[in-house]
Amino acid sequence: MRRVILIAVLALALPMAAFATSQVDYTNSAGTLTGTSSGMSLTGSMISSYGPAGSPPTKTGNLGTLSFSTGALLSGSLDGKTGSATFGSGGSFTITGAGVPSFTGTFSGPVTWTLVTVPGGTHSYTLVGTVSGTLGNFSTAGTTIQLTINTGHGFFNGSTNISSGDTNILVPEPGTLGLLGTGLVGIAGLVRRKLKMS
């Protein structure tokens, strides 16, 4: 009876472990952000630091480049003072790293663009979307990308040079998924042993 309870608890706990995630943070600077009814894109932006979100960076320097493009404008306006728009899926999100994990993916759902009020007279915009792709050697489906871009004192007006950006990538944690797999193998072994004893 004790084993049955242990197996039931383990079976309930392991799927919860599969939902664990980790979040990495890339800081970028420079680059040109452009937007039209065909979509929005960022080119020429350099990555200057990398590390776990909410912690000091683990690497700094010239670490690679960041670029993206979205699908076409679905709703809202690219008027920087309004600061609210939704773009379609498609396009791409790419981080080419030099000493940091590279990321390549495609927006798999709508992408939102929102003006964020910043004290001190500067303007920031947040781009949020779901991306399916690869981070390093791991395939990631349903990865959330949040990119905050500071345009300085000016509003976004269709094309601007960015002063800085911050990208958070929320990804499934591969170690937890491995734990889930080994747990399921263990449960299968216990069930097989129990059936042999019967």
N, C-alpha and C. Protein backbone atom coordinates (compact mmCIF):
# COMPACT_ATOMS: atom_id res chain seq x y z
N MET A 1 0.83 -1.19 0.00
CA MET A 1 0.00 0.00 0.00
C MET A 1 0.88 1.26 0.00
N ARG A 2 1.96 1.21 0.75
CA ARG A 2 2.87 2.36 0.85
C ARG A 2 3.47 2.69 -0.52
N ARG A 3 3.82 1.65 -1.27
CA ARG A 3 4.39 1.87 -2.61
C ARG A 3 3.37 2.51 -3.55
N VAL A 4 2.15 2.07 -3.47
CA VAL A 4 1.10 2.61 -4.34
C VAL A 4 0.93 4.11 -4.07
N ILE A 5 0.93 4.50 -2.80
CA ILE A 5 0.80 5.92 -2.45
C ILE A 5 2.02 6.69 -2.95
N LEU A 6 3.21 6.14 -2.78
CA LEU A 6 4.43 6.79 -3.25
C LEU A 6 4.41 6.97 -4.76
N ILE A 7 3.98 5.94 -5.48
CA ILE A 7 3.89 6.04 -6.94
C ILE A 7 2.86 7.10 -7.34
N ALA A 8 1.74 7.16 -6.65
CA ALA A 8 0.71 8.15 -6.98
C ALA A 8 1.23 9.57 -6.75
N VAL A 9 1.92 9.79 -5.63
CA VAL A 9 2.47 11.12 -5.35
C VAL A 9 3.51 11.50 -6.39
N LEU A 10 4.38 10.55 -6.74
CA LEU A 10 5.40 10.80 -7.75
C LEU A 10 4.77 11.11 -9.11
N ALA A 11 3.74 10.37 -9.47
CA ALA A 11 3.07 10.59 -10.75
C ALA A 11 2.41 11.96 -10.81
N LEU A 12 1.91 12.45 -9.67
CA LEU A 12 1.30 13.77 -9.64
C LEU A 12 2.34 14.88 -9.63
N ALA A 13 3.49 14.66 -8.99
CA ALA A 13 4.51 15.70 -8.86
C ALA A 13 5.33 15.90 -10.12
N LEU A 14 5.64 14.84 -10.83
CA LEU A 14 6.51 14.96 -12.00
C LEU A 14 5.95 15.82 -13.12
N PRO A 15 4.67 15.70 -13.48
CA PRO A 15 4.18 16.60 -14.54
C PRO A 15 4.29 18.07 -14.16
N MET A 16 4.16 18.41 -12.88
CA MET A 16 4.31 19.79 -12.45
C MET A 16 5.73 20.28 -12.70
N ALA A 17 6.71 19.41 -12.57
CA ALA A 17 8.10 19.79 -12.81
C ALA A 17 8.33 20.16 -14.26
N ALA A 18 7.54 19.59 -15.16
CA ALA A 18 7.71 19.87 -16.58
C ALA A 18 7.37 21.32 -16.93
N PHE A 19 6.59 21.99 -16.07
CA PHE A 19 6.21 23.36 -16.35
C PHE A 19 7.22 24.37 -15.82
N ALA A 20 8.29 23.91 -15.19
CA ALA A 20 9.31 24.84 -14.70
C ALA A 20 9.98 25.53 -15.88
N THR A 21 10.34 26.78 -15.67
CA THR A 21 10.96 27.55 -16.75
C THR A 21 12.16 28.29 -16.22
N SER A 22 12.98 28.75 -17.13
CA SER A 22 14.08 29.62 -16.76
C SER A 22 14.00 30.85 -17.65
N GLN A 23 14.61 31.93 -17.19
CA GLN A 23 14.53 33.18 -17.93
C GLN A 23 15.93 33.73 -18.10
N VAL A 24 16.30 34.04 -19.34
CA VAL A 24 17.60 34.64 -19.62
C VAL A 24 17.39 36.06 -20.12
N ASP A 25 18.40 36.90 -19.90
CA ASP A 25 18.29 38.31 -20.21
C ASP A 25 19.46 38.74 -21.08
N TYR A 26 19.16 39.34 -22.22
CA TYR A 26 20.16 39.90 -23.13
C TYR A 26 19.97 41.42 -23.14
N THR A 27 21.03 42.19 -22.92
CA THR A 27 20.97 43.65 -23.05
C THR A 27 21.63 44.03 -24.36
N ASN A 28 20.93 44.88 -25.13
CA ASN A 28 21.47 45.28 -26.43
C ASN A 28 21.47 46.80 -26.54
N SER A 29 22.26 47.32 -27.46
CA SER A 29 22.31 48.76 -27.69
C SER A 29 22.52 49.03 -29.17
N ALA A 30 22.16 50.26 -29.57
CA ALA A 30 22.27 50.71 -30.95
C ALA A 30 21.33 49.89 -31.83
N GLY A 31 21.37 50.17 -33.11
CA GLY A 31 20.50 49.49 -34.06
C GLY A 31 19.41 50.42 -34.55
N THR A 32 18.80 50.04 -35.66
CA THR A 32 17.74 50.84 -36.26
C THR A 32 16.42 50.06 -36.20
N LEU A 33 15.43 50.69 -35.60
CA LEU A 33 14.09 50.12 -35.48
C LEU A 33 13.20 50.80 -36.52
N THR A 34 12.56 50.02 -37.38
CA THR A 34 11.66 50.57 -38.39
C THR A 34 10.32 49.86 -38.33
N GLY A 35 9.27 50.58 -38.69
CA GLY A 35 7.94 49.99 -38.68
C GLY A 35 7.07 50.58 -39.76
N THR A 36 6.35 49.71 -40.46
CA THR A 36 5.39 50.11 -41.48
C THR A 36 4.18 49.19 -41.34
N SER A 37 3.21 49.34 -42.22
CA SER A 37 2.06 48.44 -42.17
C SER A 37 2.46 47.00 -42.53
N SER A 38 3.64 46.83 -43.14
CA SER A 38 4.14 45.49 -43.48
C SER A 38 4.74 44.77 -42.28
N GLY A 39 5.07 45.51 -41.23
CA GLY A 39 5.65 44.91 -40.03
C GLY A 39 6.70 45.80 -39.40
N MET A 40 7.31 45.30 -38.34
CA MET A 40 8.33 46.04 -37.61
C MET A 40 9.61 45.23 -37.66
N SER A 41 10.78 45.93 -37.67
CA SER A 41 12.05 45.21 -37.69
C SER A 41 13.12 46.00 -36.95
N LEU A 42 14.08 45.28 -36.41
CA LEU A 42 15.25 45.85 -35.75
C LEU A 42 16.48 45.22 -36.39
N THR A 43 17.43 46.07 -36.81
CA THR A 43 18.67 45.57 -37.40
C THR A 43 19.85 46.30 -36.76
N GLY A 44 21.01 45.65 -36.77
CA GLY A 44 22.25 46.28 -36.34
C GLY A 44 22.38 46.53 -34.85
N SER A 45 21.65 45.79 -34.02
CA SER A 45 21.73 45.98 -32.58
C SER A 45 22.75 45.02 -31.97
N MET A 46 23.63 45.54 -31.12
CA MET A 46 24.71 44.75 -30.52
C MET A 46 24.35 44.31 -29.10
N ILE A 47 24.65 43.05 -28.77
CA ILE A 47 24.43 42.53 -27.42
C ILE A 47 25.62 42.92 -26.55
N SER A 48 25.34 43.56 -25.40
CA SER A 48 26.42 44.03 -24.52
C SER A 48 26.51 43.27 -23.21
N SER A 49 25.44 42.56 -22.80
CA SER A 49 25.53 41.73 -21.59
C SER A 49 24.51 40.60 -21.66
N TYR A 50 24.76 39.57 -20.84
CA TYR A 50 23.92 38.36 -20.85
C TYR A 50 23.96 37.75 -19.45
N GLY A 51 22.84 37.19 -19.02
CA GLY A 51 22.81 36.47 -17.74
C GLY A 51 21.39 36.08 -17.38
N PRO A 52 21.24 35.39 -16.22
CA PRO A 52 19.89 35.04 -15.76
C PRO A 52 19.12 36.31 -15.43
N ALA A 53 17.83 36.34 -15.74
CA ALA A 53 17.01 37.52 -15.46
C ALA A 53 16.97 37.77 -13.95
N GLY A 54 17.05 39.04 -13.58
CA GLY A 54 16.98 39.42 -12.17
C GLY A 54 18.30 39.30 -11.43
N SER A 55 19.37 38.91 -12.11
CA SER A 55 20.69 38.77 -11.50
C SER A 55 21.69 39.62 -12.26
N PRO A 56 22.85 39.90 -11.66
CA PRO A 56 23.88 40.62 -12.41
C PRO A 56 24.30 39.80 -13.64
N PRO A 57 24.70 40.48 -14.73
CA PRO A 57 25.10 39.74 -15.94
C PRO A 57 26.29 38.82 -15.68
N THR A 58 26.29 37.67 -16.34
CA THR A 58 27.42 36.75 -16.21
C THR A 58 28.47 37.03 -17.27
N LYS A 59 28.08 37.72 -18.36
CA LYS A 59 29.04 38.08 -19.41
C LYS A 59 28.73 39.49 -19.90
N THR A 60 29.78 40.26 -20.19
CA THR A 60 29.63 41.59 -20.76
C THR A 60 30.63 41.76 -21.89
N GLY A 61 30.42 42.77 -22.71
CA GLY A 61 31.31 43.03 -23.84
C GLY A 61 30.54 42.96 -25.14
N ASN A 62 31.25 42.81 -26.25
CA ASN A 62 30.62 42.67 -27.55
C ASN A 62 30.27 41.18 -27.73
N LEU A 63 29.02 40.80 -27.40
CA LEU A 63 28.65 39.39 -27.33
C LEU A 63 27.86 38.88 -28.52
N GLY A 64 27.58 39.73 -29.50
CA GLY A 64 26.83 39.27 -30.67
C GLY A 64 25.84 40.32 -31.13
N THR A 65 24.86 39.88 -31.92
CA THR A 65 23.86 40.80 -32.47
C THR A 65 22.45 40.29 -32.23
N LEU A 66 21.49 41.21 -32.26
CA LEU A 66 20.08 40.89 -32.08
C LEU A 66 19.30 41.56 -33.21
N SER A 67 18.41 40.82 -33.83
CA SER A 67 17.54 41.39 -34.87
C SER A 67 16.20 40.67 -34.85
N PHE A 68 15.17 41.34 -35.35
CA PHE A 68 13.87 40.69 -35.47
C PHE A 68 13.07 41.36 -36.57
N SER A 69 12.04 40.65 -37.02
CA SER A 69 11.03 41.21 -37.92
C SER A 69 9.71 40.54 -37.56
N THR A 70 8.62 41.29 -37.67
CA THR A 70 7.30 40.75 -37.33
C THR A 70 6.49 40.55 -38.61
N GLY A 71 5.29 40.01 -38.44
CA GLY A 71 4.34 39.95 -39.53
C GLY A 71 3.73 41.33 -39.74
N ALA A 72 2.73 41.42 -40.58
CA ALA A 72 2.09 42.69 -40.93
C ALA A 72 1.29 43.26 -39.76
N LEU A 73 1.08 44.58 -39.78
CA LEU A 73 0.28 45.28 -38.78
C LEU A 73 -1.16 44.80 -38.87
N LEU A 74 -1.71 44.32 -37.74
CA LEU A 74 -3.10 43.84 -37.70
C LEU A 74 -4.05 44.90 -37.18
N SER A 75 -3.62 45.61 -36.13
CA SER A 75 -4.48 46.64 -35.54
C SER A 75 -3.62 47.64 -34.79
N GLY A 76 -4.23 48.77 -34.44
CA GLY A 76 -3.51 49.81 -33.72
C GLY A 76 -2.80 50.75 -34.66
N SER A 77 -1.86 51.50 -34.11
CA SER A 77 -1.18 52.53 -34.88
C SER A 77 0.30 52.55 -34.55
N LEU A 78 1.12 52.88 -35.53
CA LEU A 78 2.56 53.03 -35.31
C LEU A 78 2.92 54.44 -34.86
N ASP A 79 1.91 55.30 -34.67
CA ASP A 79 2.15 56.62 -34.12
C ASP A 79 2.74 56.45 -32.73
N GLY A 80 3.97 56.91 -32.52
CA GLY A 80 4.68 56.69 -31.27
C GLY A 80 4.00 57.24 -30.05
N LYS A 81 3.16 58.29 -30.20
CA LYS A 81 2.48 58.87 -29.05
C LYS A 81 1.31 58.01 -28.61
N THR A 82 0.72 57.27 -29.56
CA THR A 82 -0.36 56.34 -29.22
C THR A 82 0.24 55.10 -28.60
N GLY A 83 1.28 54.56 -29.26
CA GLY A 83 2.07 53.48 -28.70
C GLY A 83 1.36 52.18 -28.46
N SER A 84 0.45 51.81 -29.34
CA SER A 84 -0.22 50.53 -29.16
C SER A 84 -0.52 49.93 -30.53
N ALA A 85 0.01 48.74 -30.79
CA ALA A 85 -0.22 48.08 -32.07
C ALA A 85 -0.08 46.57 -31.89
N THR A 86 -0.71 45.82 -32.80
CA THR A 86 -0.59 44.37 -32.82
C THR A 86 -0.17 43.94 -34.21
N PHE A 87 0.85 43.08 -34.28
CA PHE A 87 1.36 42.57 -35.55
C PHE A 87 1.06 41.08 -35.64
N GLY A 88 1.01 40.57 -36.86
CA GLY A 88 0.71 39.16 -37.09
C GLY A 88 1.91 38.27 -36.85
N SER A 89 1.66 36.98 -36.86
CA SER A 89 2.74 35.99 -36.69
C SER A 89 3.62 35.98 -37.92
N GLY A 90 4.68 35.20 -37.85
CA GLY A 90 5.65 35.14 -38.94
C GLY A 90 6.87 35.96 -38.57
N GLY A 91 7.64 36.35 -39.55
CA GLY A 91 8.85 37.09 -39.25
C GLY A 91 9.85 36.22 -38.53
N SER A 92 10.78 36.85 -37.83
CA SER A 92 11.83 36.08 -37.14
C SER A 92 12.36 36.86 -35.95
N PHE A 93 13.01 36.14 -35.05
CA PHE A 93 13.72 36.74 -33.92
C PHE A 93 15.05 36.00 -33.83
N THR A 94 16.16 36.73 -33.97
CA THR A 94 17.46 36.08 -34.04
C THR A 94 18.47 36.75 -33.12
N ILE A 95 19.15 35.95 -32.33
CA ILE A 95 20.29 36.39 -31.55
C ILE A 95 21.47 35.56 -32.01
N THR A 96 22.48 36.22 -32.58
CA THR A 96 23.69 35.52 -33.00
C THR A 96 24.74 35.83 -31.96
N GLY A 97 25.10 34.82 -31.18
CA GLY A 97 25.98 35.04 -30.04
C GLY A 97 27.42 34.71 -30.30
N ALA A 98 28.28 35.43 -29.58
CA ALA A 98 29.71 35.13 -29.55
C ALA A 98 30.04 34.86 -28.09
N GLY A 99 29.92 33.61 -27.67
CA GLY A 99 30.16 33.26 -26.27
C GLY A 99 28.90 33.23 -25.43
N VAL A 100 27.74 33.49 -26.03
CA VAL A 100 26.45 33.36 -25.35
C VAL A 100 25.54 32.50 -26.22
N PRO A 101 24.50 31.88 -25.63
CA PRO A 101 23.62 31.04 -26.44
C PRO A 101 22.94 31.84 -27.55
N SER A 102 23.00 31.31 -28.76
CA SER A 102 22.30 31.93 -29.89
C SER A 102 20.84 31.50 -29.85
N PHE A 103 19.98 32.32 -30.41
CA PHE A 103 18.56 32.01 -30.47
C PHE A 103 18.05 32.32 -31.87
N THR A 104 17.31 31.39 -32.45
CA THR A 104 16.68 31.59 -33.75
C THR A 104 15.26 31.09 -33.66
N GLY A 105 14.30 31.94 -34.02
CA GLY A 105 12.92 31.51 -33.95
C GLY A 105 12.01 32.33 -34.83
N THR A 106 10.75 31.89 -34.89
CA THR A 106 9.71 32.55 -35.68
C THR A 106 8.55 32.88 -34.75
N PHE A 107 8.00 34.09 -34.88
CA PHE A 107 6.83 34.45 -34.08
C PHE A 107 5.67 33.54 -34.46
N SER A 108 5.12 32.84 -33.45
CA SER A 108 4.06 31.87 -33.72
C SER A 108 2.67 32.40 -33.39
N GLY A 109 2.59 33.63 -32.95
CA GLY A 109 1.30 34.24 -32.62
C GLY A 109 1.41 35.74 -32.75
N PRO A 110 0.35 36.47 -32.39
CA PRO A 110 0.38 37.92 -32.49
C PRO A 110 1.51 38.53 -31.63
N VAL A 111 2.00 39.67 -32.09
CA VAL A 111 3.07 40.40 -31.40
C VAL A 111 2.52 41.76 -31.01
N THR A 112 2.63 42.12 -29.72
CA THR A 112 2.10 43.41 -29.27
C THR A 112 3.23 44.42 -29.09
N TRP A 113 2.91 45.68 -29.34
CA TRP A 113 3.84 46.80 -29.25
C TRP A 113 3.16 47.87 -28.41
N THR A 114 3.76 48.24 -27.27
CA THR A 114 3.11 49.14 -26.32
C THR A 114 4.08 50.19 -25.81
N LEU A 115 3.60 51.45 -25.70
CA LEU A 115 4.38 52.53 -25.11
C LEU A 115 4.37 52.37 -23.60
N VAL A 116 5.56 52.48 -22.99
CA VAL A 116 5.69 52.40 -21.54
C VAL A 116 6.15 53.77 -21.04
N THR A 117 5.45 54.32 -20.06
CA THR A 117 5.82 55.63 -19.51
C THR A 117 7.07 55.49 -18.65
N VAL A 118 8.06 56.32 -18.92
CA VAL A 118 9.32 56.26 -18.19
C VAL A 118 9.56 57.62 -17.53
N PRO A 119 9.85 57.66 -16.21
CA PRO A 119 10.15 58.94 -15.57
C PRO A 119 11.40 59.57 -16.20
N GLY A 120 11.45 60.89 -16.22
CA GLY A 120 12.62 61.58 -16.74
C GLY A 120 12.50 62.00 -18.19
N GLY A 121 11.34 61.78 -18.81
CA GLY A 121 11.13 62.27 -20.16
C GLY A 121 11.59 61.37 -21.29
N THR A 122 12.09 60.16 -20.99
CA THR A 122 12.46 59.25 -22.08
C THR A 122 11.28 58.32 -22.36
N HIS A 123 11.32 57.69 -23.53
CA HIS A 123 10.23 56.82 -23.94
C HIS A 123 10.74 55.41 -24.20
N SER A 124 10.01 54.45 -23.68
CA SER A 124 10.32 53.04 -23.93
C SER A 124 9.10 52.36 -24.52
N TYR A 125 9.37 51.36 -25.33
CA TYR A 125 8.32 50.56 -25.94
C TYR A 125 8.62 49.10 -25.65
N THR A 126 7.56 48.33 -25.43
CA THR A 126 7.73 46.91 -25.15
C THR A 126 7.10 46.09 -26.27
N LEU A 127 7.89 45.16 -26.81
CA LEU A 127 7.44 44.24 -27.84
C LEU A 127 7.35 42.86 -27.19
N VAL A 128 6.17 42.23 -27.24
CA VAL A 128 5.98 40.92 -26.61
C VAL A 128 5.38 39.96 -27.63
N GLY A 129 5.94 38.76 -27.73
CA GLY A 129 5.40 37.76 -28.64
C GLY A 129 5.86 36.37 -28.25
N THR A 130 5.20 35.37 -28.80
CA THR A 130 5.56 33.98 -28.57
C THR A 130 6.34 33.48 -29.78
N VAL A 131 7.47 32.83 -29.49
CA VAL A 131 8.38 32.40 -30.56
C VAL A 131 8.64 30.91 -30.42
N SER A 132 8.66 30.20 -31.54
CA SER A 132 9.10 28.80 -31.56
C SER A 132 10.43 28.77 -32.29
N GLY A 133 11.42 28.13 -31.68
CA GLY A 133 12.73 28.10 -32.30
C GLY A 133 13.73 27.29 -31.51
N THR A 134 14.99 27.72 -31.53
CA THR A 134 16.06 27.02 -30.83
C THR A 134 16.91 28.00 -30.04
N LEU A 135 17.16 27.67 -28.77
CA LEU A 135 18.07 28.43 -27.92
C LEU A 135 19.26 27.52 -27.65
N GLY A 136 20.42 27.89 -28.18
CA GLY A 136 21.59 27.01 -28.08
C GLY A 136 21.29 25.71 -28.81
N ASN A 137 21.35 24.58 -28.08
CA ASN A 137 21.08 23.27 -28.68
C ASN A 137 19.67 22.76 -28.37
N PHE A 138 18.84 23.59 -27.72
CA PHE A 138 17.53 23.12 -27.27
C PHE A 138 16.41 23.72 -28.11
N SER A 139 15.50 22.86 -28.53
CA SER A 139 14.33 23.31 -29.27
C SER A 139 13.34 23.89 -28.27
N THR A 140 12.78 25.05 -28.59
CA THR A 140 11.85 25.70 -27.68
C THR A 140 10.57 26.04 -28.42
N ALA A 141 9.46 25.53 -27.95
CA ALA A 141 8.15 25.87 -28.51
C ALA A 141 7.42 26.70 -27.46
N GLY A 142 6.77 27.75 -27.88
CA GLY A 142 6.02 28.57 -26.93
C GLY A 142 6.90 29.45 -26.06
N THR A 143 8.08 29.81 -26.53
CA THR A 143 8.98 30.69 -25.79
C THR A 143 8.46 32.12 -25.84
N THR A 144 8.41 32.79 -24.70
CA THR A 144 7.94 34.18 -24.66
C THR A 144 9.14 35.11 -24.76
N ILE A 145 9.06 36.04 -25.71
CA ILE A 145 10.08 37.06 -25.90
C ILE A 145 9.50 38.38 -25.43
N GLN A 146 10.21 39.09 -24.58
CA GLN A 146 9.81 40.45 -24.23
C GLN A 146 11.01 41.36 -24.44
N LEU A 147 10.88 42.28 -25.38
CA LEU A 147 11.96 43.21 -25.71
C LEU A 147 11.50 44.61 -25.36
N THR A 148 12.23 45.27 -24.46
CA THR A 148 11.94 46.67 -24.11
C THR A 148 13.00 47.54 -24.77
N ILE A 149 12.54 48.53 -25.53
CA ILE A 149 13.43 49.39 -26.30
C ILE A 149 13.27 50.83 -25.82
N ASN A 150 14.39 51.48 -25.49
CA ASN A 150 14.38 52.88 -25.09
C ASN A 150 14.76 53.72 -26.30
N THR A 151 13.89 54.65 -26.69
CA THR A 151 14.16 55.51 -27.85
C THR A 151 14.67 56.89 -27.44
N GLY A 152 14.99 57.08 -26.16
CA GLY A 152 15.47 58.38 -25.70
C GLY A 152 14.31 59.33 -25.51
N HIS A 153 14.53 60.63 -25.79
CA HIS A 153 13.49 61.64 -25.57
C HIS A 153 12.47 61.70 -26.69
N GLY A 154 12.77 61.11 -27.85
CA GLY A 154 11.84 61.15 -28.97
C GLY A 154 10.88 59.98 -28.96
N PHE A 155 9.73 60.17 -29.60
CA PHE A 155 8.77 59.09 -29.78
C PHE A 155 9.17 58.27 -31.02
N PHE A 156 8.71 57.04 -31.08
CA PHE A 156 8.91 56.24 -32.29
C PHE A 156 8.05 56.84 -33.39
N ASN A 157 8.65 57.09 -34.55
CA ASN A 157 7.90 57.72 -35.65
C ASN A 157 8.05 56.97 -36.97
N GLY A 158 8.21 55.67 -36.90
CA GLY A 158 8.37 54.87 -38.12
C GLY A 158 9.79 54.39 -38.33
N SER A 159 10.75 55.14 -37.83
CA SER A 159 12.15 54.73 -37.90
C SER A 159 12.93 55.50 -36.85
N THR A 160 13.74 54.80 -36.07
CA THR A 160 14.53 55.46 -35.04
C THR A 160 15.75 54.63 -34.70
N ASN A 161 16.80 55.29 -34.24
CA ASN A 161 17.95 54.58 -33.68
C ASN A 161 17.65 54.37 -32.21
N ILE A 162 17.84 53.15 -31.73
CA ILE A 162 17.53 52.89 -30.33
C ILE A 162 18.76 53.17 -29.48
N SER A 163 18.52 53.62 -28.23
CA SER A 163 19.65 53.85 -27.34
C SER A 163 19.97 52.57 -26.56
N SER A 164 18.94 51.80 -26.20
CA SER A 164 19.21 50.54 -25.50
C SER A 164 18.00 49.62 -25.61
N GLY A 165 18.23 48.36 -25.33
CA GLY A 165 17.16 47.38 -25.34
C GLY A 165 17.44 46.30 -24.32
N ASP A 166 16.39 45.63 -23.88
CA ASP A 166 16.53 44.56 -22.90
C ASP A 166 15.59 43.43 -23.31
N THR A 167 16.14 42.26 -23.59
CA THR A 167 15.34 41.12 -24.06
C THR A 167 15.32 40.03 -23.01
N ASN A 168 14.13 39.65 -22.56
CA ASN A 168 13.94 38.51 -21.66
C ASN A 168 13.37 37.36 -22.47
N ILE A 169 14.00 36.20 -22.35
CA ILE A 169 13.51 35.00 -23.04
C ILE A 169 13.14 33.99 -21.97
N LEU A 170 11.87 33.61 -21.93
CA LEU A 170 11.34 32.65 -20.96
C LEU A 170 11.27 31.30 -21.65
N VAL A 171 12.11 30.34 -21.21
CA VAL A 171 12.20 29.04 -21.89
C VAL A 171 11.99 27.89 -20.92
N PRO A 172 11.48 26.74 -21.43
CA PRO A 172 11.40 25.55 -20.58
C PRO A 172 12.79 25.16 -20.12
N GLU A 173 12.89 24.68 -18.90
CA GLU A 173 14.19 24.32 -18.34
C GLU A 173 14.52 22.87 -18.71
N PRO A 174 15.54 22.65 -19.56
CA PRO A 174 15.85 21.29 -20.03
C PRO A 174 16.17 20.31 -18.91
N GLY A 175 16.80 20.76 -17.83
CA GLY A 175 17.13 19.87 -16.71
C GLY A 175 15.88 19.30 -16.07
N THR A 176 14.85 20.11 -15.95
CA THR A 176 13.59 19.66 -15.36
C THR A 176 12.92 18.64 -16.25
N LEU A 177 12.98 18.88 -17.57
CA LEU A 177 12.39 17.91 -18.49
C LEU A 177 13.13 16.58 -18.43
N GLY A 178 14.45 16.63 -18.23
CA GLY A 178 15.22 15.40 -18.06
C GLY A 178 14.81 14.66 -16.80
N LEU A 179 14.57 15.42 -15.73
CA LEU A 179 14.11 14.83 -14.48
C LEU A 179 12.77 14.13 -14.67
N LEU A 180 11.89 14.76 -15.43
CA LEU A 180 10.60 14.15 -15.73
C LEU A 180 10.78 12.81 -16.43
N GLY A 181 11.67 12.78 -17.43
CA GLY A 181 11.91 11.54 -18.18
C GLY A 181 12.46 10.43 -17.30
N THR A 182 13.44 10.74 -16.46
CA THR A 182 14.00 9.69 -15.58
C THR A 182 12.98 9.24 -14.54
N GLY A 183 12.13 10.16 -14.08
CA GLY A 183 11.08 9.78 -13.13
C GLY A 183 10.09 8.82 -13.74
N LEU A 184 9.72 9.08 -15.00
CA LEU A 184 8.78 8.19 -15.67
C LEU A 184 9.38 6.81 -15.91
N VAL A 185 10.69 6.76 -16.21
CA VAL A 185 11.37 5.47 -16.37
C VAL A 185 11.34 4.71 -15.04
N GLY A 186 11.57 5.43 -13.94
CA GLY A 186 11.53 4.79 -12.62
C GLY A 186 10.16 4.24 -12.28
N ILE A 187 9.12 4.99 -12.60
CA ILE A 187 7.75 4.52 -12.35
C ILE A 187 7.46 3.28 -13.19
N ALA A 188 7.90 3.28 -14.45
CA ALA A 188 7.69 2.11 -15.31
C ALA A 188 8.38 0.89 -14.72
N GLY A 189 9.59 1.08 -14.17
CA GLY A 189 10.31 -0.04 -13.55
C GLY A 189 9.57 -0.59 -12.34
N LEU A 190 9.03 0.30 -11.50
CA LEU A 190 8.28 -0.15 -10.32
C LEU A 190 7.01 -0.91 -10.72
N VAL A 191 6.32 -0.40 -11.73
CA VAL A 191 5.10 -1.07 -12.19
C VAL A 191 5.44 -2.45 -12.76
N ARG A 192 6.51 -2.53 -13.53
CA ARG A 192 6.91 -3.82 -14.11
C ARG A 192 7.27 -4.82 -13.01
N ARG A 193 7.99 -4.33 -12.01
CA ARG A 193 8.38 -5.20 -10.88
C ARG A 193 7.15 -5.71 -10.15
N LYS A 194 6.17 -4.81 -9.93
CA LYS A 194 4.93 -5.17 -9.23
C LYS A 194 4.17 -6.24 -10.03
N LEU A 195 4.14 -6.06 -11.37
CA LEU A 195 3.43 -7.05 -12.18
C LEU A 195 4.11 -8.40 -12.18
N LYS A 196 5.46 -8.42 -12.13
CA LYS A 196 6.19 -9.70 -12.07
C LYS A 196 5.91 -10.44 -10.78
N MET A 197 5.74 -9.69 -9.68
CA MET A 197 5.50 -10.30 -8.37
C MET A 197 4.10 -10.90 -8.29
N SER A 198 3.17 -10.43 -9.12
CA SER A 198 1.78 -10.93 -9.06
C SER A 198 1.64 -12.28 -9.67
